[in-house]
Amino acid sequence: MSKLALTFALAAGLTSHMALPAGARDGANYDGNWSVELVTETGALCDARYSYSLSVQDGQVRPIARAASSAATVTGRVGRDGAVGLNVATSAANGSASGRLQTQSGSGTWKVSALCSGRWTARRQTTRTALAD
């Protein structure tokens, strides 16, 4: 079951690339790349920590690097107020994450069915560009 939890944690950074309704652009203030860490608080079947990176574009969560099993179906978005909602489904279990992003950070909770649960934190990544003289 540890593999299932790992699939959830890695898949949490992925969403389907389906077109979103016009209202989904509400989360555009949170656009950018985010470093996310999941910490397991309950459940012996999950590893202690998972880390990944994701991108928010027009309120939709998008992968930066494809790292999870393609067997997971993941959907998620960020609302105008920073509310985060994410659902992950595999043939073995369902998972969800919720919480809130602010300008530079965010936090919330996650769980995989009744197997394990915990909290997540996020930090906005900064991009620096070098200028040539």
N, C-alpha and C. Protein backbone atom coordinates (compact mmCIF):
# COMPACT_ATOMS: atom_id res chain seq x y z
N MET A 1 0.80 -1.20 0.00
CA MET A 1 0.00 0.00 0.00
C MET A 1 0.84 1.26 0.00
N SER A 2 2.09 1.17 0.41
CA SER A 2 2.97 2.33 0.36
C SER A 2 3.08 2.85 -1.06
N LYS A 3 3.03 1.95 -2.05
CA LYS A 3 3.10 2.36 -3.44
C LYS A 3 1.88 3.19 -3.82
N LEU A 4 0.71 2.84 -3.29
CA LEU A 4 -0.50 3.60 -3.55
C LEU A 4 -0.37 5.01 -2.99
N ALA A 5 0.13 5.12 -1.77
CA ALA A 5 0.31 6.44 -1.17
C ALA A 5 1.31 7.26 -1.96
N LEU A 6 2.37 6.62 -2.42
CA LEU A 6 3.36 7.33 -3.23
C LEU A 6 2.73 7.79 -4.53
N THR A 7 1.91 6.94 -5.14
CA THR A 7 1.21 7.33 -6.36
C THR A 7 0.35 8.55 -6.11
N PHE A 8 -0.38 8.57 -4.98
CA PHE A 8 -1.20 9.73 -4.66
C PHE A 8 -0.35 10.97 -4.49
N ALA A 9 0.71 10.85 -3.72
CA ALA A 9 1.54 12.02 -3.43
C ALA A 9 2.16 12.59 -4.70
N LEU A 10 2.68 11.74 -5.54
CA LEU A 10 3.28 12.22 -6.78
C LEU A 10 2.22 12.70 -7.75
N ALA A 11 1.09 12.01 -7.77
CA ALA A 11 0.03 12.41 -8.68
C ALA A 11 -0.63 13.71 -8.27
N ALA A 12 -0.48 14.08 -7.03
CA ALA A 12 -1.09 15.32 -6.56
C ALA A 12 -0.59 16.52 -7.33
N GLY A 13 0.56 16.39 -7.93
CA GLY A 13 1.08 17.47 -8.76
C GLY A 13 0.59 17.44 -10.19
N LEU A 14 -0.24 16.47 -10.52
CA LEU A 14 -0.71 16.32 -11.88
C LEU A 14 -2.21 16.54 -11.97
N THR A 15 -2.67 17.08 -13.09
CA THR A 15 -4.09 17.15 -13.36
C THR A 15 -4.32 16.80 -14.81
N SER A 16 -5.53 16.52 -15.14
CA SER A 16 -5.85 16.31 -16.54
C SER A 16 -5.75 17.65 -17.25
N HIS A 17 -5.49 17.62 -18.55
CA HIS A 17 -5.32 18.85 -19.30
C HIS A 17 -6.60 19.19 -20.06
N MET A 18 -7.75 18.92 -19.48
CA MET A 18 -9.01 19.23 -20.12
C MET A 18 -9.25 20.72 -20.05
N ALA A 19 -10.03 21.25 -20.98
CA ALA A 19 -10.38 22.67 -20.97
C ALA A 19 -11.24 22.95 -19.74
N LEU A 20 -11.01 24.11 -19.15
CA LEU A 20 -11.77 24.50 -17.97
C LEU A 20 -12.83 25.52 -18.34
N PRO A 21 -13.91 25.60 -17.58
CA PRO A 21 -14.90 26.64 -17.81
C PRO A 21 -14.29 28.01 -17.54
N ALA A 22 -14.92 29.05 -18.07
CA ALA A 22 -14.39 30.41 -17.93
C ALA A 22 -14.13 30.80 -16.49
N GLY A 23 -14.96 30.36 -15.54
CA GLY A 23 -14.78 30.71 -14.14
C GLY A 23 -13.53 30.14 -13.52
N ALA A 24 -12.90 29.16 -14.18
CA ALA A 24 -11.70 28.54 -13.62
C ALA A 24 -10.51 29.48 -13.65
N ARG A 25 -10.60 30.56 -14.41
CA ARG A 25 -9.50 31.51 -14.48
C ARG A 25 -9.43 32.34 -13.20
N ASP A 26 -10.34 32.13 -12.28
CA ASP A 26 -10.37 32.90 -11.04
C ASP A 26 -9.08 32.81 -10.25
N GLY A 27 -8.39 31.70 -10.30
CA GLY A 27 -7.18 31.49 -9.51
C GLY A 27 -5.92 32.03 -10.14
N ALA A 28 -6.04 32.89 -11.16
CA ALA A 28 -4.87 33.37 -11.89
C ALA A 28 -3.89 34.14 -11.00
N ASN A 29 -4.35 34.72 -9.89
CA ASN A 29 -3.43 35.42 -8.98
C ASN A 29 -2.42 34.48 -8.35
N TYR A 30 -2.65 33.19 -8.44
CA TYR A 30 -1.76 32.19 -7.85
C TYR A 30 -0.92 31.51 -8.93
N ASP A 31 -0.96 32.06 -10.14
CA ASP A 31 -0.17 31.49 -11.23
C ASP A 31 1.31 31.46 -10.87
N GLY A 32 1.98 30.40 -11.27
CA GLY A 32 3.41 30.26 -11.04
C GLY A 32 3.74 28.86 -10.58
N ASN A 33 5.00 28.64 -10.28
CA ASN A 33 5.48 27.34 -9.83
C ASN A 33 5.50 27.29 -8.31
N TRP A 34 5.15 26.13 -7.78
CA TRP A 34 5.05 25.94 -6.33
C TRP A 34 5.78 24.66 -5.93
N SER A 35 6.50 24.71 -4.82
CA SER A 35 7.12 23.53 -4.20
C SER A 35 6.17 23.06 -3.12
N VAL A 36 5.79 21.80 -3.16
CA VAL A 36 4.80 21.27 -2.23
C VAL A 36 5.38 20.09 -1.47
N GLU A 37 5.12 20.05 -0.16
CA GLU A 37 5.55 18.92 0.67
C GLU A 37 4.34 18.36 1.41
N LEU A 38 4.16 17.04 1.31
CA LEU A 38 3.11 16.35 2.05
C LEU A 38 3.76 15.62 3.21
N VAL A 39 3.19 15.76 4.40
CA VAL A 39 3.69 15.09 5.60
C VAL A 39 2.58 14.17 6.10
N THR A 40 2.90 12.88 6.25
CA THR A 40 1.93 11.91 6.75
C THR A 40 1.82 12.04 8.26
N GLU A 41 0.58 12.15 8.75
CA GLU A 41 0.33 12.25 10.19
C GLU A 41 -0.34 11.00 10.75
N THR A 42 -1.15 10.32 9.95
CA THR A 42 -1.78 9.08 10.39
C THR A 42 -1.72 8.05 9.26
N GLY A 43 -1.53 6.80 9.64
CA GLY A 43 -1.50 5.72 8.67
C GLY A 43 -0.11 5.16 8.50
N ALA A 44 0.05 3.90 8.84
CA ALA A 44 1.36 3.25 8.76
C ALA A 44 1.71 2.81 7.34
N LEU A 45 0.76 2.90 6.42
CA LEU A 45 1.00 2.42 5.06
C LEU A 45 1.62 3.47 4.15
N CYS A 46 1.86 4.66 4.67
CA CYS A 46 2.39 5.75 3.85
C CYS A 46 3.78 6.15 4.32
N ASP A 47 4.60 6.60 3.39
CA ASP A 47 5.90 7.14 3.76
C ASP A 47 5.71 8.43 4.54
N ALA A 48 6.74 8.86 5.26
CA ALA A 48 6.65 10.02 6.13
C ALA A 48 6.46 11.33 5.37
N ARG A 49 7.16 11.50 4.26
CA ARG A 49 7.12 12.76 3.50
C ARG A 49 7.16 12.49 2.00
N TYR A 50 6.51 13.39 1.28
CA TYR A 50 6.57 13.40 -0.17
C TYR A 50 6.77 14.85 -0.60
N SER A 51 7.60 15.08 -1.60
CA SER A 51 7.81 16.42 -2.13
C SER A 51 7.65 16.41 -3.63
N TYR A 52 7.11 17.48 -4.19
CA TYR A 52 6.97 17.60 -5.62
C TYR A 52 6.80 19.07 -5.99
N SER A 53 6.86 19.35 -7.27
CA SER A 53 6.66 20.70 -7.79
C SER A 53 5.46 20.69 -8.72
N LEU A 54 4.72 21.78 -8.73
CA LEU A 54 3.59 21.91 -9.63
C LEU A 54 3.49 23.35 -10.10
N SER A 55 2.68 23.55 -11.10
CA SER A 55 2.47 24.87 -11.66
C SER A 55 0.98 25.17 -11.63
N VAL A 56 0.63 26.41 -11.35
CA VAL A 56 -0.75 26.86 -11.43
C VAL A 56 -0.82 27.83 -12.61
N GLN A 57 -1.74 27.57 -13.53
CA GLN A 57 -1.93 28.43 -14.69
C GLN A 57 -3.42 28.67 -14.85
N ASP A 58 -3.82 29.94 -14.75
CA ASP A 58 -5.23 30.31 -14.86
C ASP A 58 -6.10 29.51 -13.90
N GLY A 59 -5.57 29.25 -12.70
CA GLY A 59 -6.33 28.54 -11.68
C GLY A 59 -6.28 27.03 -11.79
N GLN A 60 -5.70 26.50 -12.86
CA GLN A 60 -5.62 25.05 -13.04
C GLN A 60 -4.25 24.55 -12.61
N VAL A 61 -4.25 23.46 -11.85
CA VAL A 61 -3.00 22.83 -11.42
C VAL A 61 -2.45 22.02 -12.59
N ARG A 62 -1.16 22.22 -12.89
CA ARG A 62 -0.53 21.51 -14.01
C ARG A 62 0.79 20.91 -13.55
N PRO A 63 1.19 19.81 -14.16
CA PRO A 63 2.47 19.19 -13.78
C PRO A 63 3.65 19.98 -14.30
N ILE A 64 4.73 19.99 -13.54
CA ILE A 64 6.00 20.51 -14.04
C ILE A 64 6.78 19.36 -14.65
N ALA A 65 6.76 18.21 -14.00
CA ALA A 65 7.42 17.01 -14.51
C ALA A 65 6.50 15.83 -14.28
N ARG A 66 6.34 15.01 -15.26
CA ARG A 66 5.47 13.84 -15.10
C ARG A 66 6.20 12.80 -14.27
N ALA A 67 5.72 12.60 -13.05
CA ALA A 67 6.42 11.69 -12.14
C ALA A 67 5.53 10.59 -11.61
N ALA A 68 4.24 10.70 -11.81
CA ALA A 68 3.33 9.74 -11.18
C ALA A 68 2.83 8.70 -12.17
N SER A 69 2.23 7.69 -11.64
CA SER A 69 1.66 6.64 -12.46
C SER A 69 0.55 7.21 -13.33
N SER A 70 0.52 6.80 -14.58
CA SER A 70 -0.52 7.28 -15.48
C SER A 70 -1.87 6.66 -15.14
N ALA A 71 -1.90 5.70 -14.23
CA ALA A 71 -3.15 5.06 -13.83
C ALA A 71 -3.98 5.95 -12.92
N ALA A 72 -3.40 7.03 -12.42
CA ALA A 72 -4.13 7.93 -11.54
C ALA A 72 -4.85 8.99 -12.36
N THR A 73 -6.11 9.24 -12.00
CA THR A 73 -6.87 10.33 -12.59
C THR A 73 -6.90 11.45 -11.57
N VAL A 74 -6.40 12.61 -11.96
CA VAL A 74 -6.25 13.72 -11.02
C VAL A 74 -6.93 14.95 -11.59
N THR A 75 -7.72 15.62 -10.78
CA THR A 75 -8.33 16.89 -11.16
C THR A 75 -8.13 17.88 -10.03
N GLY A 76 -7.94 19.15 -10.36
CA GLY A 76 -7.76 20.13 -9.31
C GLY A 76 -7.69 21.55 -9.83
N ARG A 77 -7.95 22.49 -8.93
CA ARG A 77 -7.89 23.90 -9.30
C ARG A 77 -7.71 24.76 -8.06
N VAL A 78 -7.39 26.02 -8.31
CA VAL A 78 -7.26 27.03 -7.27
C VAL A 78 -8.29 28.11 -7.55
N GLY A 79 -9.11 28.43 -6.57
CA GLY A 79 -10.14 29.44 -6.74
C GLY A 79 -9.63 30.85 -6.56
N ARG A 80 -10.48 31.82 -6.83
CA ARG A 80 -10.14 33.24 -6.71
C ARG A 80 -9.63 33.58 -5.32
N ASP A 81 -10.19 32.95 -4.29
CA ASP A 81 -9.80 33.22 -2.90
C ASP A 81 -8.62 32.38 -2.44
N GLY A 82 -8.03 31.59 -3.36
CA GLY A 82 -6.88 30.75 -3.01
C GLY A 82 -7.26 29.36 -2.55
N ALA A 83 -8.56 29.05 -2.50
CA ALA A 83 -8.99 27.72 -2.07
C ALA A 83 -8.50 26.67 -3.07
N VAL A 84 -7.89 25.61 -2.54
CA VAL A 84 -7.34 24.53 -3.36
C VAL A 84 -8.21 23.30 -3.18
N GLY A 85 -8.59 22.68 -4.26
CA GLY A 85 -9.31 21.41 -4.23
C GLY A 85 -8.68 20.46 -5.22
N LEU A 86 -8.39 19.25 -4.79
CA LEU A 86 -7.72 18.28 -5.64
C LEU A 86 -8.29 16.90 -5.35
N ASN A 87 -8.58 16.14 -6.38
CA ASN A 87 -9.06 14.76 -6.23
C ASN A 87 -8.17 13.84 -7.05
N VAL A 88 -7.85 12.69 -6.47
CA VAL A 88 -7.02 11.68 -7.12
C VAL A 88 -7.75 10.35 -7.03
N ALA A 89 -7.87 9.65 -8.15
CA ALA A 89 -8.53 8.35 -8.15
C ALA A 89 -7.64 7.33 -8.85
N THR A 90 -7.49 6.17 -8.23
CA THR A 90 -6.82 5.02 -8.85
C THR A 90 -7.77 3.85 -8.74
N SER A 91 -7.40 2.72 -9.30
CA SER A 91 -8.26 1.54 -9.19
C SER A 91 -8.31 1.03 -7.76
N ALA A 92 -7.31 1.37 -6.93
CA ALA A 92 -7.24 0.86 -5.57
C ALA A 92 -7.83 1.79 -4.51
N ALA A 93 -7.81 3.10 -4.74
CA ALA A 93 -8.27 4.02 -3.70
C ALA A 93 -8.50 5.41 -4.29
N ASN A 94 -9.16 6.24 -3.50
CA ASN A 94 -9.38 7.63 -3.86
C ASN A 94 -8.68 8.52 -2.85
N GLY A 95 -8.18 9.64 -3.31
CA GLY A 95 -7.52 10.59 -2.42
C GLY A 95 -8.01 11.99 -2.70
N SER A 96 -7.82 12.86 -1.72
CA SER A 96 -8.20 14.25 -1.90
C SER A 96 -7.27 15.15 -1.10
N ALA A 97 -7.19 16.38 -1.53
CA ALA A 97 -6.42 17.39 -0.82
C ALA A 97 -7.21 18.68 -0.88
N SER A 98 -7.15 19.44 0.19
CA SER A 98 -7.81 20.75 0.22
C SER A 98 -6.98 21.69 1.07
N GLY A 99 -7.22 22.96 0.91
CA GLY A 99 -6.49 23.95 1.68
C GLY A 99 -6.59 25.30 1.01
N ARG A 100 -5.57 26.14 1.25
CA ARG A 100 -5.61 27.50 0.72
C ARG A 100 -4.21 27.98 0.41
N LEU A 101 -4.10 28.66 -0.75
CA LEU A 101 -2.86 29.34 -1.10
C LEU A 101 -2.99 30.81 -0.74
N GLN A 102 -1.88 31.40 -0.34
CA GLN A 102 -1.78 32.85 -0.17
C GLN A 102 -0.76 33.32 -1.20
N THR A 103 -0.31 34.55 -1.10
CA THR A 103 0.58 35.11 -2.11
C THR A 103 1.85 34.28 -2.31
N GLN A 104 2.51 33.88 -1.24
CA GLN A 104 3.79 33.18 -1.34
C GLN A 104 3.81 31.78 -0.73
N SER A 105 2.73 31.38 -0.06
CA SER A 105 2.72 30.09 0.61
C SER A 105 1.30 29.55 0.69
N GLY A 106 1.18 28.32 1.16
CA GLY A 106 -0.13 27.73 1.32
C GLY A 106 -0.04 26.50 2.21
N SER A 107 -1.21 26.01 2.63
CA SER A 107 -1.23 24.82 3.46
C SER A 107 -2.62 24.19 3.42
N GLY A 108 -2.68 22.95 3.87
CA GLY A 108 -3.95 22.25 3.91
C GLY A 108 -3.77 20.83 4.37
N THR A 109 -4.75 20.00 4.06
CA THR A 109 -4.75 18.61 4.48
C THR A 109 -4.94 17.70 3.27
N TRP A 110 -4.57 16.43 3.43
CA TRP A 110 -4.76 15.44 2.39
C TRP A 110 -5.09 14.10 3.03
N LYS A 111 -5.73 13.22 2.26
CA LYS A 111 -5.98 11.86 2.75
C LYS A 111 -6.16 10.92 1.56
N VAL A 112 -5.82 9.66 1.78
CA VAL A 112 -6.03 8.59 0.81
C VAL A 112 -7.02 7.63 1.45
N SER A 113 -8.27 7.70 1.02
CA SER A 113 -9.34 6.89 1.60
C SER A 113 -9.16 6.82 3.11
N ALA A 114 -9.22 5.61 3.67
CA ALA A 114 -9.03 5.46 5.12
C ALA A 114 -7.61 5.01 5.43
N LEU A 115 -6.73 5.00 4.43
CA LEU A 115 -5.39 4.46 4.61
C LEU A 115 -4.45 5.38 5.37
N CYS A 116 -4.42 6.64 5.00
CA CYS A 116 -3.50 7.58 5.65
C CYS A 116 -3.94 9.01 5.35
N SER A 117 -3.43 9.92 6.14
CA SER A 117 -3.76 11.33 5.95
C SER A 117 -2.64 12.18 6.52
N GLY A 118 -2.72 13.46 6.24
CA GLY A 118 -1.70 14.36 6.74
C GLY A 118 -1.95 15.78 6.31
N ARG A 119 -0.87 16.55 6.30
CA ARG A 119 -0.97 17.96 5.94
C ARG A 119 0.00 18.24 4.79
N TRP A 120 -0.25 19.33 4.08
CA TRP A 120 0.66 19.76 3.03
C TRP A 120 0.98 21.23 3.21
N THR A 121 2.15 21.61 2.77
CA THR A 121 2.55 23.02 2.74
C THR A 121 3.12 23.31 1.36
N ALA A 122 2.98 24.55 0.94
CA ALA A 122 3.47 24.95 -0.38
C ALA A 122 4.18 26.29 -0.27
N ARG A 123 5.19 26.47 -1.10
CA ARG A 123 5.92 27.74 -1.20
C ARG A 123 6.05 28.09 -2.67
N ARG A 124 5.76 29.35 -2.98
CA ARG A 124 5.92 29.81 -4.36
C ARG A 124 7.40 29.85 -4.70
N GLN A 125 7.75 29.31 -5.84
CA GLN A 125 9.14 29.35 -6.29
C GLN A 125 9.39 30.68 -7.01
N THR A 126 10.55 31.24 -6.79
CA THR A 126 10.90 32.48 -7.47
C THR A 126 11.81 32.16 -8.64
N THR A 127 11.65 32.91 -9.69
CA THR A 127 12.48 32.73 -10.87
C THR A 127 13.36 33.96 -11.02
N ARG A 128 14.64 33.74 -11.10
CA ARG A 128 15.58 34.85 -11.28
C ARG A 128 16.18 34.73 -12.68
N THR A 129 16.28 35.87 -13.33
CA THR A 129 16.84 35.90 -14.67
C THR A 129 18.13 36.68 -14.65
N ALA A 130 19.18 36.10 -15.17
CA ALA A 130 20.47 36.79 -15.25
C ALA A 130 20.47 37.67 -16.49
N LEU A 131 20.96 38.88 -16.35
CA LEU A 131 21.05 39.81 -17.47
C LEU A 131 22.51 39.96 -17.88
N ALA A 132 22.76 39.90 -19.17
CA ALA A 132 24.13 40.08 -19.67
C ALA A 132 24.40 41.56 -19.89
N ASP A 133 25.63 41.97 -19.66
CA ASP A 133 26.00 43.38 -19.90
C ASP A 133 26.18 43.65 -21.36
